[in-house]
Amino acid sequence: MEQLFSSKAARRGAVVRRSMSWVDREVGREAFLAEVRQRGYHVIQTADQFVVVCHDGPIRLLF
């Protein structure tokens, strides 16, 4: 998980994504979601992916 959140995209406040199967296998879903929550980031589940918005600012879904 450290590698994911220290990536260039995460440090810039961009988005990172991981498959749900990767999360379940590598770190566990609850631990992953707890880490996202602790950092104040946003996570979106779409199909079989988690998309993490790596900043704590507001987000707005347009469609």
Protein backbone atom coordinates (compact mmCIF):
# COMPACT_ATOMS: atom_id res chain seq x y z
CA MET A 1 0.00 0.00 0.00
CA GLU A 2 2.92 2.32 0.70
CA GLN A 3 4.03 2.01 -2.92
CA LEU A 4 0.56 2.93 -4.17
CA PHE A 5 0.24 6.08 -2.06
CA SER A 6 3.82 7.21 -2.63
CA SER A 7 3.43 7.01 -6.42
CA LYS A 8 4.01 10.13 -8.48
CA ALA A 9 0.30 10.45 -9.27
CA ALA A 10 -0.74 10.15 -5.62
CA ARG A 11 1.81 12.72 -4.51
CA ARG A 12 0.52 15.18 -7.13
CA GLY A 13 -3.06 14.76 -5.91
CA ALA A 14 -4.13 12.91 -9.05
CA VAL A 15 -5.96 9.58 -9.22
CA VAL A 16 -4.71 6.03 -8.83
CA ARG A 17 -6.66 2.88 -9.51
CA ARG A 18 -6.42 -0.73 -8.49
CA SER A 19 -8.54 -3.73 -9.29
CA MET A 20 -10.71 -4.97 -6.48
CA SER A 21 -9.08 -8.38 -6.79
CA TRP A 22 -5.61 -6.81 -6.30
CA VAL A 23 -6.83 -4.95 -3.21
CA ASP A 24 -8.40 -8.08 -1.75
CA ARG A 25 -5.33 -10.20 -2.48
CA GLU A 26 -2.54 -7.79 -1.53
CA VAL A 27 -3.82 -5.68 1.38
CA GLY A 28 -7.45 -6.52 2.14
CA ARG A 29 -10.42 -4.34 1.36
CA GLU A 30 -11.00 -3.07 4.90
CA ALA A 31 -7.34 -2.07 5.36
CA PHE A 32 -7.34 -0.35 1.96
CA LEU A 33 -10.51 1.62 2.67
CA ALA A 34 -9.26 2.53 6.16
CA GLU A 35 -6.03 3.91 4.68
CA VAL A 36 -7.93 5.95 2.09
CA ARG A 37 -10.21 7.29 4.83
CA GLN A 38 -7.28 8.12 7.14
CA ARG A 39 -5.61 10.14 4.38
CA GLY A 40 -8.85 12.05 3.72
CA TYR A 41 -8.97 10.84 0.10
CA HIS A 42 -12.03 9.78 -1.89
CA VAL A 43 -12.58 6.30 -3.33
CA ILE A 44 -14.97 5.37 -6.13
CA GLN A 45 -15.92 1.81 -6.97
CA THR A 46 -16.68 1.21 -10.63
CA ALA A 47 -17.05 -2.23 -12.19
CA ASP A 48 -14.11 -4.19 -10.75
CA GLN A 49 -11.90 -1.18 -9.97
CA PHE A 50 -11.29 1.19 -7.10
CA VAL A 51 -10.42 4.71 -8.21
CA VAL A 52 -8.77 6.81 -5.50
CA VAL A 53 -8.84 10.60 -5.79
CA CYS A 54 -5.68 11.52 -3.90
CA HIS A 55 -6.72 14.82 -2.37
CA ASP A 56 -9.18 15.88 0.26
CA GLY A 57 -10.90 18.61 -1.73
CA PRO A 58 -14.49 18.40 -2.88
CA ILE A 59 -15.44 16.25 -5.85
CA ARG A 60 -18.54 16.46 -8.02
CA LEU A 61 -19.94 13.71 -10.24
CA LEU A 62 -21.25 15.28 -13.42
CA PHE A 63 -22.99 12.29 -15.01
